[in-house]
Every structure is written in C-alpha cells, then in structure tokens.
N, C-alpha and C. Protein backbone atom coordinates (compact mmCIF):
# COMPACT_ATOMS: atom_id res chain seq x y z
N MET A 1 -7.43 -26.67 -13.25
CA MET A 1 -6.21 -26.26 -12.58
C MET A 1 -5.30 -27.48 -12.43
N ILE A 2 -4.02 -27.29 -12.65
CA ILE A 2 -3.05 -28.38 -12.56
C ILE A 2 -2.68 -28.60 -11.11
N ASN A 3 -2.72 -29.82 -10.68
CA ASN A 3 -2.32 -30.20 -9.33
C ASN A 3 -0.80 -30.07 -9.23
N PRO A 4 -0.28 -29.21 -8.34
CA PRO A 4 1.16 -29.02 -8.23
C PRO A 4 1.90 -30.31 -7.89
N LEU A 5 1.22 -31.24 -7.24
CA LEU A 5 1.86 -32.50 -6.90
C LEU A 5 2.02 -33.40 -8.12
N ASN A 6 1.24 -33.14 -9.17
CA ASN A 6 1.30 -33.97 -10.37
C ASN A 6 1.86 -33.18 -11.57
N ALA A 7 2.44 -32.03 -11.34
CA ALA A 7 2.96 -31.20 -12.42
C ALA A 7 4.07 -31.91 -13.18
N GLY A 8 4.88 -32.68 -12.51
CA GLY A 8 5.96 -33.42 -13.17
C GLY A 8 5.41 -34.42 -14.17
N GLY A 9 4.35 -35.11 -13.78
CA GLY A 9 3.72 -36.07 -14.69
C GLY A 9 3.11 -35.39 -15.89
N PHE A 10 2.52 -34.24 -15.65
CA PHE A 10 1.92 -33.46 -16.74
C PHE A 10 3.00 -33.01 -17.72
N LEU A 11 4.11 -32.52 -17.20
CA LEU A 11 5.20 -32.05 -18.06
C LEU A 11 5.81 -33.21 -18.85
N LYS A 12 5.89 -34.37 -18.22
CA LYS A 12 6.41 -35.55 -18.91
C LYS A 12 5.48 -35.92 -20.06
N GLN A 13 4.17 -35.91 -19.80
CA GLN A 13 3.18 -36.22 -20.85
C GLN A 13 3.29 -35.20 -21.99
N ALA A 14 3.46 -33.93 -21.65
CA ALA A 14 3.56 -32.88 -22.66
C ALA A 14 4.81 -33.08 -23.52
N ARG A 15 5.92 -33.48 -22.91
CA ARG A 15 7.15 -33.74 -23.65
C ARG A 15 6.98 -34.93 -24.59
N ILE A 16 6.32 -35.97 -24.11
CA ILE A 16 6.08 -37.15 -24.94
C ILE A 16 5.22 -36.78 -26.15
N LEU A 17 4.16 -36.01 -25.91
CA LEU A 17 3.29 -35.57 -27.00
C LEU A 17 4.07 -34.71 -27.98
N GLN A 18 4.91 -33.83 -27.48
CA GLN A 18 5.71 -32.96 -28.33
C GLN A 18 6.66 -33.79 -29.21
N GLU A 19 7.27 -34.82 -28.64
CA GLU A 19 8.16 -35.69 -29.40
C GLU A 19 7.39 -36.45 -30.48
N LYS A 20 6.20 -36.95 -30.13
CA LYS A 20 5.38 -37.67 -31.11
C LYS A 20 4.96 -36.75 -32.24
N MET A 21 4.58 -35.52 -31.90
CA MET A 21 4.17 -34.55 -32.92
C MET A 21 5.34 -34.20 -33.85
N ALA A 22 6.52 -34.03 -33.29
CA ALA A 22 7.70 -33.72 -34.11
C ALA A 22 8.00 -34.87 -35.07
N LYS A 23 7.87 -36.09 -34.58
CA LYS A 23 8.10 -37.26 -35.43
C LYS A 23 7.06 -37.31 -36.53
N PHE A 24 5.79 -37.09 -36.17
CA PHE A 24 4.72 -37.10 -37.16
C PHE A 24 4.96 -36.04 -38.23
N GLN A 25 5.32 -34.83 -37.81
CA GLN A 25 5.54 -33.76 -38.77
C GLN A 25 6.69 -34.08 -39.72
N SER A 26 7.73 -34.73 -39.23
CA SER A 26 8.84 -35.07 -40.11
C SER A 26 8.46 -36.19 -41.07
N GLU A 27 7.53 -37.05 -40.67
CA GLU A 27 7.09 -38.15 -41.53
C GLU A 27 5.92 -37.78 -42.44
N ALA A 28 5.27 -36.66 -42.18
CA ALA A 28 4.06 -36.28 -42.93
C ALA A 28 4.34 -36.13 -44.42
N GLY A 29 5.53 -35.71 -44.77
CA GLY A 29 5.87 -35.55 -46.18
C GLY A 29 5.92 -36.85 -46.94
N PHE A 30 6.04 -37.97 -46.21
CA PHE A 30 6.11 -39.28 -46.85
C PHE A 30 4.74 -39.94 -46.99
N LYS A 31 3.76 -39.44 -46.28
CA LYS A 31 2.40 -39.98 -46.37
C LYS A 31 1.72 -39.34 -47.57
N LYS A 32 1.14 -40.15 -48.43
CA LYS A 32 0.54 -39.60 -49.65
C LYS A 32 -0.88 -40.12 -49.83
N VAL A 33 -1.72 -39.27 -50.38
CA VAL A 33 -3.08 -39.65 -50.75
C VAL A 33 -3.33 -39.12 -52.16
N SER A 34 -4.19 -39.82 -52.88
CA SER A 34 -4.51 -39.42 -54.24
C SER A 34 -6.01 -39.30 -54.42
N ALA A 35 -6.39 -38.50 -55.40
CA ALA A 35 -7.79 -38.36 -55.78
C ALA A 35 -7.83 -38.18 -57.28
N THR A 36 -8.96 -38.60 -57.87
CA THR A 36 -9.11 -38.48 -59.31
C THR A 36 -10.37 -37.69 -59.65
N SER A 37 -10.42 -37.24 -60.88
CA SER A 37 -11.62 -36.59 -61.40
C SER A 37 -11.75 -36.99 -62.87
N GLY A 38 -12.92 -36.73 -63.42
CA GLY A 38 -13.14 -37.07 -64.82
C GLY A 38 -13.04 -38.56 -65.09
N GLY A 39 -13.51 -39.36 -64.15
CA GLY A 39 -13.46 -40.81 -64.34
C GLY A 39 -12.04 -41.34 -64.39
N GLY A 40 -11.13 -40.68 -63.66
CA GLY A 40 -9.74 -41.12 -63.61
C GLY A 40 -8.85 -40.45 -64.65
N MET A 41 -9.39 -39.51 -65.38
CA MET A 41 -8.60 -38.82 -66.42
C MET A 41 -7.52 -37.92 -65.80
N VAL A 42 -7.80 -37.40 -64.60
CA VAL A 42 -6.83 -36.56 -63.88
C VAL A 42 -6.66 -37.15 -62.49
N GLN A 43 -5.41 -37.32 -62.08
CA GLN A 43 -5.11 -37.83 -60.74
C GLN A 43 -4.12 -36.89 -60.06
N ALA A 44 -4.49 -36.46 -58.85
CA ALA A 44 -3.62 -35.58 -58.06
C ALA A 44 -3.17 -36.34 -56.82
N THR A 45 -1.89 -36.22 -56.49
CA THR A 45 -1.34 -36.85 -55.30
C THR A 45 -0.76 -35.76 -54.41
N VAL A 46 -1.17 -35.79 -53.14
CA VAL A 46 -0.78 -34.78 -52.16
C VAL A 46 -0.15 -35.49 -50.97
N ASN A 47 0.86 -34.85 -50.35
CA ASN A 47 1.45 -35.46 -49.16
C ASN A 47 0.80 -34.91 -47.90
N GLY A 48 1.23 -35.41 -46.75
CA GLY A 48 0.67 -35.00 -45.47
C GLY A 48 0.95 -33.57 -45.08
N LYS A 49 1.81 -32.92 -45.84
CA LYS A 49 2.09 -31.50 -45.61
C LYS A 49 1.23 -30.62 -46.51
N GLN A 50 0.23 -31.22 -47.15
CA GLN A 50 -0.68 -30.55 -48.08
C GLN A 50 0.07 -29.93 -49.25
N GLU A 51 1.06 -30.67 -49.77
CA GLU A 51 1.80 -30.25 -50.95
C GLU A 51 1.44 -31.17 -52.11
N LEU A 52 1.15 -30.59 -53.26
CA LEU A 52 0.90 -31.39 -54.46
C LEU A 52 2.23 -31.98 -54.89
N VAL A 53 2.32 -33.32 -54.94
CA VAL A 53 3.58 -33.97 -55.29
C VAL A 53 3.55 -34.67 -56.64
N GLU A 54 2.33 -34.89 -57.17
CA GLU A 54 2.23 -35.53 -58.48
C GLU A 54 0.89 -35.19 -59.11
N LEU A 55 0.92 -35.01 -60.41
CA LEU A 55 -0.30 -34.74 -61.17
C LEU A 55 -0.21 -35.54 -62.47
N LYS A 56 -1.18 -36.44 -62.66
CA LYS A 56 -1.21 -37.25 -63.88
C LYS A 56 -2.44 -36.83 -64.69
N ILE A 57 -2.21 -36.63 -65.97
CA ILE A 57 -3.30 -36.26 -66.88
C ILE A 57 -3.24 -37.22 -68.06
N GLU A 58 -4.34 -37.92 -68.30
CA GLU A 58 -4.41 -38.86 -69.41
C GLU A 58 -4.32 -38.11 -70.74
N SER A 59 -3.65 -38.70 -71.70
CA SER A 59 -3.42 -38.04 -72.99
C SER A 59 -4.72 -37.72 -73.73
N GLU A 60 -5.76 -38.54 -73.53
CA GLU A 60 -7.02 -38.28 -74.23
C GLU A 60 -7.60 -36.91 -73.87
N ILE A 61 -7.49 -36.54 -72.60
CA ILE A 61 -8.05 -35.26 -72.17
C ILE A 61 -7.23 -34.10 -72.73
N LEU A 62 -5.94 -34.32 -72.92
CA LEU A 62 -5.09 -33.28 -73.50
C LEU A 62 -5.41 -33.09 -74.98
N GLN A 63 -5.74 -34.19 -75.65
CA GLN A 63 -6.05 -34.12 -77.08
C GLN A 63 -7.41 -33.47 -77.34
N ALA A 64 -8.27 -33.44 -76.32
CA ALA A 64 -9.60 -32.85 -76.49
C ALA A 64 -9.52 -31.34 -76.69
N GLN A 65 -8.45 -30.73 -76.27
CA GLN A 65 -8.21 -29.29 -76.42
C GLN A 65 -9.33 -28.44 -75.81
N ASP A 66 -9.85 -28.89 -74.71
CA ASP A 66 -10.86 -28.13 -73.97
C ASP A 66 -10.20 -27.67 -72.68
N SER A 67 -9.56 -26.52 -72.72
CA SER A 67 -8.76 -26.07 -71.57
C SER A 67 -9.62 -25.78 -70.35
N ASP A 68 -10.84 -25.30 -70.52
CA ASP A 68 -11.70 -25.04 -69.37
C ASP A 68 -12.06 -26.33 -68.64
N MET A 69 -12.37 -27.37 -69.41
CA MET A 69 -12.69 -28.66 -68.78
C MET A 69 -11.47 -29.21 -68.06
N LEU A 70 -10.30 -29.11 -68.69
CA LEU A 70 -9.06 -29.60 -68.07
C LEU A 70 -8.79 -28.88 -66.76
N LYS A 71 -8.93 -27.56 -66.76
CA LYS A 71 -8.72 -26.78 -65.53
C LYS A 71 -9.68 -27.24 -64.43
N ASP A 72 -10.95 -27.43 -64.78
CA ASP A 72 -11.95 -27.88 -63.80
C ASP A 72 -11.60 -29.25 -63.23
N LEU A 73 -11.14 -30.16 -64.08
CA LEU A 73 -10.78 -31.50 -63.62
C LEU A 73 -9.56 -31.46 -62.71
N ILE A 74 -8.59 -30.63 -63.06
CA ILE A 74 -7.39 -30.50 -62.21
C ILE A 74 -7.76 -29.92 -60.86
N ILE A 75 -8.54 -28.87 -60.86
CA ILE A 75 -8.96 -28.24 -59.61
C ILE A 75 -9.73 -29.23 -58.74
N ALA A 76 -10.64 -29.97 -59.34
CA ALA A 76 -11.44 -30.95 -58.59
C ALA A 76 -10.56 -32.03 -57.98
N ALA A 77 -9.62 -32.56 -58.76
CA ALA A 77 -8.75 -33.62 -58.25
C ALA A 77 -7.83 -33.11 -57.14
N VAL A 78 -7.25 -31.93 -57.33
CA VAL A 78 -6.34 -31.37 -56.32
C VAL A 78 -7.11 -31.06 -55.03
N ASN A 79 -8.27 -30.45 -55.15
CA ASN A 79 -9.05 -30.12 -53.95
C ASN A 79 -9.46 -31.38 -53.18
N GLU A 80 -9.86 -32.42 -53.89
CA GLU A 80 -10.23 -33.67 -53.21
C GLU A 80 -9.02 -34.31 -52.55
N ALA A 81 -7.87 -34.29 -53.21
CA ALA A 81 -6.64 -34.84 -52.61
C ALA A 81 -6.25 -34.05 -51.36
N LEU A 82 -6.37 -32.73 -51.41
CA LEU A 82 -6.06 -31.90 -50.24
C LEU A 82 -7.00 -32.22 -49.08
N LYS A 83 -8.28 -32.42 -49.38
CA LYS A 83 -9.24 -32.78 -48.34
C LYS A 83 -8.86 -34.12 -47.70
N LYS A 84 -8.50 -35.09 -48.53
CA LYS A 84 -8.10 -36.40 -48.02
C LYS A 84 -6.84 -36.27 -47.14
N SER A 85 -5.91 -35.43 -47.58
CA SER A 85 -4.68 -35.23 -46.81
C SER A 85 -4.97 -34.60 -45.46
N LYS A 86 -5.84 -33.60 -45.45
CA LYS A 86 -6.22 -32.95 -44.18
C LYS A 86 -6.92 -33.93 -43.26
N ASP A 87 -7.78 -34.78 -43.83
CA ASP A 87 -8.46 -35.80 -43.02
C ASP A 87 -7.45 -36.79 -42.44
N LEU A 88 -6.47 -37.19 -43.25
CA LEU A 88 -5.42 -38.11 -42.79
C LEU A 88 -4.64 -37.50 -41.63
N VAL A 89 -4.24 -36.25 -41.79
CA VAL A 89 -3.48 -35.56 -40.74
C VAL A 89 -4.34 -35.41 -39.49
N GLY A 90 -5.61 -35.05 -39.67
CA GLY A 90 -6.51 -34.91 -38.52
C GLY A 90 -6.66 -36.20 -37.74
N GLU A 91 -6.79 -37.32 -38.46
CA GLU A 91 -6.90 -38.62 -37.79
C GLU A 91 -5.61 -38.97 -37.05
N GLU A 92 -4.47 -38.68 -37.66
CA GLU A 92 -3.18 -38.95 -37.00
C GLU A 92 -3.05 -38.14 -35.72
N ILE A 93 -3.40 -36.87 -35.80
CA ILE A 93 -3.30 -36.00 -34.62
C ILE A 93 -4.27 -36.47 -33.55
N LYS A 94 -5.45 -36.86 -33.96
CA LYS A 94 -6.46 -37.36 -33.01
C LYS A 94 -5.92 -38.59 -32.27
N SER A 95 -5.25 -39.48 -33.00
CA SER A 95 -4.71 -40.67 -32.35
C SER A 95 -3.53 -40.34 -31.44
N LEU A 96 -2.73 -39.34 -31.83
CA LEU A 96 -1.60 -38.93 -31.00
C LEU A 96 -2.04 -38.27 -29.69
N THR A 97 -3.13 -37.51 -29.77
CA THR A 97 -3.59 -36.76 -28.60
C THR A 97 -4.67 -37.50 -27.82
N GLY A 98 -4.98 -38.71 -28.26
CA GLY A 98 -6.02 -39.48 -27.58
C GLY A 98 -7.39 -38.86 -27.73
N GLY A 99 -7.60 -38.18 -28.85
CA GLY A 99 -8.89 -37.56 -29.12
C GLY A 99 -9.05 -36.18 -28.50
N LEU A 100 -8.05 -35.74 -27.79
CA LEU A 100 -8.09 -34.42 -27.15
C LEU A 100 -8.03 -33.35 -28.22
N ASN A 101 -8.91 -32.37 -28.17
CA ASN A 101 -8.93 -31.30 -29.16
C ASN A 101 -8.00 -30.19 -28.68
N ILE A 102 -6.83 -30.09 -29.34
CA ILE A 102 -5.85 -29.07 -28.99
C ILE A 102 -5.83 -28.05 -30.11
N PRO A 103 -6.24 -26.82 -29.84
CA PRO A 103 -6.30 -25.78 -30.88
C PRO A 103 -4.95 -25.62 -31.59
N GLY A 104 -5.03 -25.47 -32.92
CA GLY A 104 -3.82 -25.25 -33.71
C GLY A 104 -3.13 -26.50 -34.19
N LEU A 105 -3.56 -27.69 -33.75
CA LEU A 105 -2.91 -28.91 -34.18
C LEU A 105 -3.53 -29.54 -35.41
N SER A 106 -4.80 -29.31 -35.64
CA SER A 106 -5.42 -29.97 -36.78
C SER A 106 -5.75 -29.01 -37.88
C-alpha cells in the first residue's frame, strides 16, 4: 500500500522512470547487435526495436546454389541477433528500473 504522505515522491519517481523509458525507446533504434552463422557466411544485424536492419551474405554461399542451406543460415543468424537484441533491451530496462520486474517492460 502506498503511504499517502509519500505519494508525491512516488509520483515523482514514476515520472522520472517514464521519462527514462521514453528516452530509451527513442534511442533503441540506434542500438545494434549482430550475429553470424555458417562460420560467418551470413551476418544479421538487428536494432533495439527488434528490427532486422542489415543482412550480409558472403558470395561463396550464394554460388553454392543450396537454397535450403542458405535459408537455414539466414534463419539462424536472424534468430540469434533477435535474441541478443532482446537481451540488450532487457538489461537496459533492468538498469533503468533498478532491477525491479515491471510486467510489460521487458
């Protein structure tokens, strides 16, 4: 239960957290992580908004003409990059909230 005598302090803390979260969300698109598969033959780069922003495929893998292998390598690289991005966002949120688990934020 919130102490009515300290409600102002609580609201101030909530506003500060809200401002920090808004700033983080606006900057999340600039934070990028990458992952590779196939020994570096495919590289996927994802931003903090979990958007694929770059995909590099080495020419050797394209010349192999094995579309199933290429699809598997792309999927593996993108999924790993997405996982890294989610971990990055989770750590940022954890630091913003002081480790407090707030449903819907991570």
